[in-house]
Amino acid sequence: MFWRLASRRVDARGFEFEHVLRDIQTLNEWALEGRLEVTAISLHAYPFVQERYVILPHGASMGSGYGPIVVSREPMSPERLRETEVAVPGRMTTAFLVLALYLGGIEQYREVPFDEIIDEVRSGRADAGLLIHEGQLTYQSHGLHRVLYLGEWWLLETGLPLPLGINVARRDLGEETLHELSEVLAESITAGLDNRREALDYALQYGRGLDTPPGRGERRVPRARPDRVRLLRTAAA
């Protein structure tokens, strides 16, 4: 989404974009404060900020049979999660909501930065961990066991993609500005889809522990993109 914007190869139409990387829970909390004009947030967080923000029609993160994973250091049945403390990336993340839907509520959990959850489980400080982003792809290399695949469960239960993250903009920007901003983002996304190899090379700079083999530039790498932890701030000219 941001390759073309970051390289200044798309008409910004008078907007000035500032890209700052933050974890998704931080972005959710900042949205509660209305700190940013435009930002990525978890879909679960939107009801808490809907009076201040409107959903943009571009750049959502959707998983079709793909999504958050619960892992443990030793093999564990999904049923045991109801009596197990789970390290989670934040109560406002969609991952937390989907796990709560599966379990019928989460009684034992501890919030941990998403990129520290694997270490929490490996060290034994947490019995289980709810993984998002690259951890969903790399947990096996750390010797962890998959307990529950929530993306797969959601697809089997609903037959629908799992909506994970969305982009929102502050309502006080005004309808005209929001429309122009949406067009800029749409053009940047289209450019990335038309130039997948270059866009993927850019995105992989932000993928922790991910790479792509030579000659495979168009391979899909789920969530290996800066918008998973990005903050986008704009100012209309």
Foldseek 3Di string as FASTA:
>chain_A
DCLCVVVVNFPQQQKDKDKDFAAQQVQLVVLLVVNFQKAKHWPLSCVSNVVFKDFFPDDFAWAQLAWKFKKALDDDALLCQQVFEEEEQHCSFVLVVLNCVVNVHHDHYDYDHQVCRLVCRLVVVGGMYIHGALCSVCSVVSNIGTHDGSQNVVCVVPVDIDGGMTMIGTPVVDDVVSVSNSVRNVVVVVVCVVVVLSQQVVLQVQHVPDDDDPPPSNDDDRRSGSSNRMTIHMDGD
